[in-house]
Structure formats: C-alpha cells, structure tokens
Amino acid sequence: MADNKSKRGGSDRSRVAAGEGYEVRYFARKHGISREQAEQLIAKVGNDREKLNAAAEKLKG
C-alpha cells in the first residue's frame, strides 16, 4: 500500500530519530559530543529536539 501523500509536514523535525544513524551523528556533531553521549541523552531525555538541545548544552558546559 502506498504512503498517504496528503499527510506531509514538518512535525517530524521536532524529534530526533534515534534509529537513524545520520540523525544521531548530526545531533552529536552539532553539539560537539560523542555519538555515544548523544545516544545516552536520547535514551534518558527522549527524542524531543528542544529538550535534547538543552540537555546537550548542559552536558558540554
């Protein structure tokens, strides 16, 4: 069955897909942390991008 093309939008951008390696690598590189640290943050905080950004900033400094 084909994807429903009428359900498009940017809602996915507010989440970090932990199962997608490229998203985890991008998030880690953006914040200057290791991939392992990024994965641990996602496991601890969840996949909400705003919360993850705040947690990564606290981790760095």
Protein backbone atom coordinates (compact mmCIF):
# COMPACT_ATOMS: atom_id res chain seq x y z
CA MET A 1 0.00 0.00 0.00
CA ALA A 2 1.30 3.44 -0.91
CA ASP A 3 2.07 6.13 1.65
CA ASN A 4 -0.64 8.72 2.16
CA LYS A 5 0.79 11.70 0.29
CA SER A 6 -1.72 14.09 1.89
CA LYS A 7 -0.10 13.65 5.30
CA ARG A 8 3.00 15.75 4.86
CA GLY A 9 4.53 18.31 7.14
CA GLY A 10 7.37 19.34 9.37
CA SER A 11 6.18 17.72 12.57
CA ASP A 12 8.98 15.20 12.25
CA ARG A 13 11.58 17.95 12.63
CA SER A 14 10.76 18.38 16.30
CA ARG A 15 12.06 14.87 17.01
CA VAL A 16 15.42 13.16 16.73
CA ALA A 17 15.05 9.69 15.24
CA ALA A 18 17.30 7.56 17.42
CA GLY A 19 17.04 4.69 14.96
CA GLU A 20 18.52 6.78 12.15
CA GLY A 21 22.29 6.88 12.47
CA TYR A 22 22.66 10.01 10.38
CA GLU A 23 20.35 11.97 12.70
CA VAL A 24 22.24 10.85 15.80
CA ARG A 25 25.58 11.70 14.14
CA TYR A 26 24.30 15.13 13.09
CA PHE A 27 22.99 15.86 16.59
CA ALA A 28 26.29 14.77 18.17
CA ARG A 29 28.40 16.80 15.73
CA LYS A 30 26.16 19.86 16.15
CA HIS A 31 26.72 19.86 19.91
CA GLY A 32 30.33 18.68 19.95
CA ILE A 33 29.57 15.47 21.85
CA SER A 34 30.27 11.84 21.02
CA ARG A 35 27.71 9.63 19.32
CA GLU A 36 27.54 7.51 22.47
CA GLN A 37 26.76 10.59 24.56
CA ALA A 38 24.05 11.57 22.07
CA GLU A 39 22.51 8.09 22.25
CA GLN A 40 22.57 8.19 26.05
CA LEU A 41 20.85 11.59 26.04
CA ILE A 42 18.14 10.31 23.69
CA ALA A 43 17.58 7.30 25.94
CA LYS A 44 17.43 9.49 29.05
CA VAL A 45 15.55 12.58 27.82
CA GLY A 46 13.53 11.16 24.92
CA ASN A 47 13.53 12.29 21.31
CA ASP A 48 12.13 15.82 21.69
CA ARG A 49 14.65 18.06 19.91
CA GLU A 50 14.20 21.09 22.21
CA LYS A 51 14.76 19.04 25.36
CA LEU A 52 17.73 17.27 23.79
CA ASN A 53 19.32 20.56 22.73
CA ALA A 54 19.00 21.89 26.28
CA ALA A 55 20.42 18.68 27.79
CA ALA A 56 23.35 18.69 25.33
CA GLU A 57 24.19 22.28 26.24
CA LYS A 58 24.26 21.34 29.94
CA LEU A 59 26.45 18.34 29.14
CA LYS A 60 29.01 20.48 27.30
CA GLY A 61 29.30 23.25 29.80
